[in-house]
Structure formats: C-alpha cells, structure tokens
Amino acid sequence: MFPAFFESLGIPGYMAAVVAVIETVGGILLILGAGTRIVSLVLAFVLLVAIFTAKISAGLLNGYELDLALIAIAVSLVLTGSGVWSIDSLFGKNRKQ
C-alpha cells in the first residue's frame, strides 16, 4: 500500500522502504542524541521532498504546516547540535576534560 502511494506520485516504490528506515532510525538517533546534526539535516531533506511531492497541493493549512514546523526544529538542531545529556556530548569535541 505504501509503495503504491509513492508510485502514484512518480517516485519508485522501493523509496517507501528507504524513507521508513531513514525516519525510524533517524528518530531513534535523535532521541539518543547521536549524530544529531547530520540526522537532522537528512530528516529536513526528507520533509522538504515530502512537501514538494505530496503535500503542496493541499496548501499550508491541513497540508504541510506540520512539516514546516518539523523542518524548523530540524534546522535548529543542525545549528545548535545536541545537549549535555546526549551521546554526542560523550564523544564530541565539546566534552569537558
């Protein structure tokens, strides 16, 4: 069903599995605070593609307003990085000695 939706948009059906893996693994990594900047950048890209392929015709309200909010959150994470309680802080440059 999900691959058929992608194919109806002109996107190859196998991309449904790719997007599902990116969103699932990316969400887990964000919760853990691992690779926050890279993961946020990838998720923002996936959201932009979703807006321009599937949701733009629905308009802003009841269309892609949530996606815009999630992109704003992702961009803020790209710019600020993860916090003190993240895996990134254990292994990153900002670790205090």
C-alpha atoms as a PDB file:
ATOM      1  CA  MET A   1       0.000   0.000   0.000  1.00  0.00           C
ATOM      2  CA  PHE A   2       2.716   2.475   0.964  1.00  0.00           C
ATOM      3  CA  PRO A   3       4.896   1.707  -2.099  1.00  0.00           C
ATOM      4  CA  ALA A   4       1.827   2.123  -4.299  1.00  0.00           C
ATOM      5  CA  PHE A   5       1.324   5.625  -2.901  1.00  0.00           C
ATOM      6  CA  PHE A   6       4.903   6.505  -3.775  1.00  0.00           C
ATOM      7  CA  GLU A   7       4.439   5.141  -7.285  1.00  0.00           C
ATOM      8  CA  SER A   8       1.287   7.226  -7.708  1.00  0.00           C
ATOM      9  CA  LEU A   9       3.462  10.289  -7.037  1.00  0.00           C
ATOM     10  CA  GLY A  10       6.002   9.204  -9.645  1.00  0.00           C
ATOM     11  CA  ILE A  11       8.556   8.000  -7.088  1.00  0.00           C
ATOM     12  CA  PRO A  12       9.887   4.424  -7.273  1.00  0.00           C
ATOM     13  CA  GLY A  13       8.105   2.124  -4.807  1.00  0.00           C
ATOM     14  CA  TYR A  14      11.303   0.951  -3.122  1.00  0.00           C
ATOM     15  CA  MET A  15      11.823   4.505  -1.834  1.00  0.00           C
ATOM     16  CA  ALA A  16       8.983   3.865   0.645  1.00  0.00           C
ATOM     17  CA  ALA A  17      11.223   1.405   2.497  1.00  0.00           C
ATOM     18  CA  VAL A  18      14.172   3.810   2.312  1.00  0.00           C
ATOM     19  CA  VAL A  19      12.113   6.657   3.794  1.00  0.00           C
ATOM     20  CA  ALA A  20      10.693   4.372   6.501  1.00  0.00           C
ATOM     21  CA  VAL A  21      14.199   3.316   7.563  1.00  0.00           C
ATOM     22  CA  ILE A  22      15.502   6.901   7.495  1.00  0.00           C
ATOM     23  CA  GLU A  23      12.627   8.157   9.630  1.00  0.00           C
ATOM     24  CA  THR A  24      12.725   5.265  12.113  1.00  0.00           C
ATOM     25  CA  VAL A  25      16.487   5.106  12.591  1.00  0.00           C
ATOM     26  CA  GLY A  26      16.754   8.905  12.453  1.00  0.00           C
ATOM     27  CA  GLY A  27      14.123   9.297  15.148  1.00  0.00           C
ATOM     28  CA  ILE A  28      15.881   6.809  17.416  1.00  0.00           C
ATOM     29  CA  LEU A  29      19.223   8.544  16.865  1.00  0.00           C
ATOM     30  CA  LEU A  30      17.688  11.931  17.679  1.00  0.00           C
ATOM     31  CA  ILE A  31      16.198  10.572  20.895  1.00  0.00           C
ATOM     32  CA  LEU A  32      19.624   9.245  21.883  1.00  0.00           C
ATOM     33  CA  GLY A  33      21.399  12.372  20.724  1.00  0.00           C
ATOM     34  CA  ALA A  34      23.724  10.549  18.344  1.00  0.00           C
ATOM     35  CA  GLY A  35      24.735  12.274  15.122  1.00  0.00           C
ATOM     36  CA  THR A  36      22.199  14.982  15.794  1.00  0.00           C
ATOM     37  CA  ARG A  37      23.329  17.499  13.189  1.00  0.00           C
ATOM     38  CA  ILE A  38      23.660  15.029  10.322  1.00  0.00           C
ATOM     39  CA  VAL A  39      20.445  13.179  11.156  1.00  0.00           C
ATOM     40  CA  SER A  40      18.513  16.456  11.435  1.00  0.00           C
ATOM     41  CA  LEU A  41      19.815  17.572   8.053  1.00  0.00           C
ATOM     42  CA  VAL A  42      18.749  14.303   6.415  1.00  0.00           C
ATOM     43  CA  LEU A  43      15.301  14.422   8.036  1.00  0.00           C
ATOM     44  CA  ALA A  44      14.821  18.041   6.934  1.00  0.00           C
ATOM     45  CA  PHE A  45      15.630  16.992   3.363  1.00  0.00           C
ATOM     46  CA  VAL A  46      13.113  14.116   3.534  1.00  0.00           C
ATOM     47  CA  LEU A  47      10.465  16.537   4.811  1.00  0.00           C
ATOM     48  CA  LEU A  48      11.171  19.023   2.014  1.00  0.00           C
ATOM     49  CA  VAL A  49      10.782  16.279  -0.575  1.00  0.00           C
ATOM     50  CA  ALA A  50       7.509  15.205   1.066  1.00  0.00           C
ATOM     51  CA  ILE A  51       6.174  18.753   0.912  1.00  0.00           C
ATOM     52  CA  PHE A  52       7.019  19.274  -2.740  1.00  0.00           C
ATOM     53  CA  THR A  53       5.880  15.841  -3.941  1.00  0.00           C
ATOM     54  CA  ALA A  54       2.815  15.012  -1.859  1.00  0.00           C
ATOM     55  CA  LYS A  55       1.551  17.914   0.216  1.00  0.00           C
ATOM     56  CA  ILE A  56       1.991  21.147  -1.721  1.00  0.00           C
ATOM     57  CA  SER A  57      -1.365  20.755  -3.465  1.00  0.00           C
ATOM     58  CA  ALA A  58      -3.190  20.590  -0.107  1.00  0.00           C
ATOM     59  CA  GLY A  59      -1.999  24.059   0.838  1.00  0.00           C
ATOM     60  CA  LEU A  60      -0.466  25.337   4.033  1.00  0.00           C
ATOM     61  CA  LEU A  61      -3.301  24.651   6.461  1.00  0.00           C
ATOM     62  CA  ASN A  62      -4.141  20.960   6.752  1.00  0.00           C
ATOM     63  CA  GLY A  63      -1.349  20.295   4.300  1.00  0.00           C
ATOM     64  CA  TYR A  64       2.239  20.921   5.170  1.00  0.00           C
ATOM     65  CA  GLU A  65       2.178  23.176   8.243  1.00  0.00           C
ATOM     66  CA  LEU A  66       3.390  20.342  10.498  1.00  0.00           C
ATOM     67  CA  ASP A  67       6.178  19.561   8.057  1.00  0.00           C
ATOM     68  CA  LEU A  68       7.313  23.192   8.137  1.00  0.00           C
ATOM     69  CA  ALA A  69       7.375  23.123  11.935  1.00  0.00           C
ATOM     70  CA  LEU A  70       9.413  19.901  11.901  1.00  0.00           C
ATOM     71  CA  ILE A  71      11.818  21.418   9.361  1.00  0.00           C
ATOM     72  CA  ALA A  72      12.275  24.431  11.653  1.00  0.00           C
ATOM     73  CA  ILE A  73      13.043  22.084  14.543  1.00  0.00           C
ATOM     74  CA  ALA A  74      15.493  20.112  12.408  1.00  0.00           C
ATOM     75  CA  VAL A  75      17.254  23.285  11.266  1.00  0.00           C
ATOM     76  CA  SER A  76      17.571  24.460  14.862  1.00  0.00           C
ATOM     77  CA  LEU A  77      19.144  21.104  15.770  1.00  0.00           C
ATOM     78  CA  VAL A  78      21.539  21.414  12.828  1.00  0.00           C
ATOM     79  CA  LEU A  79      22.613  24.848  14.059  1.00  0.00           C
ATOM     80  CA  THR A  80      22.776  24.128  17.791  1.00  0.00           C
ATOM     81  CA  GLY A  81      23.624  20.444  17.955  1.00  0.00           C
ATOM     82  CA  SER A  82      22.724  18.171  20.809  1.00  0.00           C
ATOM     83  CA  GLY A  83      22.652  18.865  24.519  1.00  0.00           C
ATOM     84  CA  VAL A  84      24.618  17.789  27.537  1.00  0.00           C
ATOM     85  CA  TRP A  85      22.692  14.544  28.040  1.00  0.00           C
ATOM     86  CA  SER A  86      23.357  13.207  24.532  1.00  0.00           C
ATOM     87  CA  ILE A  87      25.671  10.558  23.168  1.00  0.00           C
ATOM     88  CA  ASP A  88      27.262  13.283  21.043  1.00  0.00           C
ATOM     89  CA  SER A  89      28.403  15.114  24.162  1.00  0.00           C
ATOM     90  CA  LEU A  90      30.123  11.985  25.470  1.00  0.00           C
ATOM     91  CA  PHE A  91      32.251  11.558  22.361  1.00  0.00           C
ATOM     92  CA  GLY A  92      32.213  15.001  20.768  1.00  0.00           C
ATOM     93  CA  LYS A  93      34.558  17.950  20.761  1.00  0.00           C
ATOM     94  CA  ASN A  94      32.527  19.773  23.395  1.00  0.00           C
ATOM     95  CA  ARG A  95      33.388  17.179  26.034  1.00  0.00           C
ATOM     96  CA  LYS A  96      34.922  18.875  29.053  1.00  0.00           C
ATOM     97  CA  GLN A  97      38.143  17.377  30.337  1.00  0.00           C
END
